[in-house]
Amino acid sequence: MLPIITEELSSEVFGEVFQDVQSWRKNMVQYLKEENPEINSAILEVAKYDESIDLKAVALGAYLSYRLLELATENDNLTIEA
């Protein structure tokens, strides 16, 4: 089961992302290359699949979703351990 992404968590991540979208996206590319290269490759493959879609927009949405799920999972694990 996927973790719950709270409004508080969403606001926190959106605030981080929208300070500098291009920089955040580039940092996520590097982060995922190290942390989970298979996911990074999948994101880039999907984004390149159709020339009519915006590669950067697809990647941003995917990286944002990944980060939200990652943080929500960490929060769930902290709650379980407490």
Protein backbone atom coordinates (compact mmCIF):
# COMPACT_ATOMS: atom_id res chain seq x y z
CA MET A 1 0.00 0.00 0.00
CA LEU A 2 1.26 3.46 -0.86
CA PRO A 3 1.81 5.95 1.95
CA ILE A 4 -0.52 8.88 2.52
CA ILE A 5 0.78 12.18 1.17
CA THR A 6 -0.49 14.86 3.52
CA GLU A 7 -1.31 18.42 2.60
CA GLU A 8 1.49 19.55 4.91
CA LEU A 9 4.01 17.35 3.13
CA SER A 10 2.79 18.50 -0.29
CA SER A 11 3.10 22.15 0.71
CA GLU A 12 6.62 21.57 2.00
CA VAL A 13 7.77 19.86 -1.19
CA PHE A 14 6.01 22.32 -3.51
CA GLY A 15 7.66 25.20 -1.66
CA GLU A 16 11.04 23.59 -2.19
CA VAL A 17 10.39 22.80 -5.87
CA PHE A 18 8.91 26.11 -6.92
CA GLN A 19 11.75 28.22 -5.49
CA ASP A 20 13.80 27.16 -8.53
CA VAL A 21 12.14 24.49 -10.67
CA GLN A 22 15.01 23.97 -13.10
CA SER A 23 17.60 23.59 -10.38
CA TRP A 24 15.39 21.25 -8.35
CA ARG A 25 14.73 19.05 -11.38
CA LYS A 26 18.45 18.85 -12.19
CA ASN A 27 19.23 17.95 -8.58
CA MET A 28 16.60 15.19 -8.68
CA VAL A 29 18.14 13.78 -11.87
CA GLN A 30 21.49 13.49 -10.10
CA TYR A 31 19.88 12.16 -6.90
CA LEU A 32 17.95 9.46 -8.72
CA LYS A 33 20.94 8.48 -10.86
CA GLU A 34 22.63 7.49 -7.61
CA GLU A 35 19.64 6.46 -5.46
CA ASN A 36 17.48 4.59 -7.98
CA PRO A 37 18.94 4.58 -11.51
CA GLU A 38 16.22 2.27 -12.86
CA ILE A 39 13.50 4.77 -11.96
CA ASN A 40 15.52 7.62 -13.46
CA SER A 41 15.97 5.67 -16.71
CA ALA A 42 12.27 4.84 -16.82
CA ILE A 43 11.31 8.50 -16.35
CA LEU A 44 13.61 9.61 -19.15
CA GLU A 45 12.43 6.82 -21.47
CA VAL A 46 8.78 7.74 -20.98
CA ALA A 47 9.56 11.39 -21.55
CA LYS A 48 11.38 10.61 -24.82
CA TYR A 49 8.69 8.21 -26.06
CA ASP A 50 6.53 10.87 -27.72
CA GLU A 51 8.14 13.88 -29.36
CA SER A 52 5.01 15.98 -28.86
CA ILE A 53 5.24 15.94 -25.05
CA ASP A 54 7.49 18.20 -23.03
CA LEU A 55 10.39 16.14 -21.64
CA LYS A 56 11.03 18.58 -18.81
CA ALA A 57 7.38 18.69 -17.74
CA VAL A 58 7.09 14.90 -17.71
CA ALA A 59 10.33 14.56 -15.75
CA LEU A 60 9.28 17.26 -13.27
CA GLY A 61 5.98 15.52 -12.57
CA ALA A 62 7.64 12.14 -12.17
CA TYR A 63 10.42 13.46 -9.92
CA LEU A 64 7.87 15.38 -7.84
CA SER A 65 5.75 12.23 -7.42
CA TYR A 66 8.82 10.19 -6.49
CA ARG A 67 9.90 12.73 -3.88
CA LEU A 68 6.43 12.97 -2.35
CA LEU A 69 6.17 9.19 -2.07
CA GLU A 70 9.69 8.94 -0.70
CA LEU A 71 9.05 11.48 2.06
CA ALA A 72 5.61 10.05 2.88
CA THR A 73 7.19 6.60 3.24
CA GLU A 74 9.85 8.00 5.57
CA ASN A 75 7.12 9.69 7.66
CA ASP A 76 5.13 6.44 7.83
CA ASN A 77 8.22 4.54 8.95
CA LEU A 78 8.92 7.11 11.69
CA THR A 79 5.32 6.80 12.90
CA ILE A 80 5.54 3.01 13.02
CA GLU A 81 8.82 3.08 14.94
CA ALA A 82 7.51 5.57 17.53
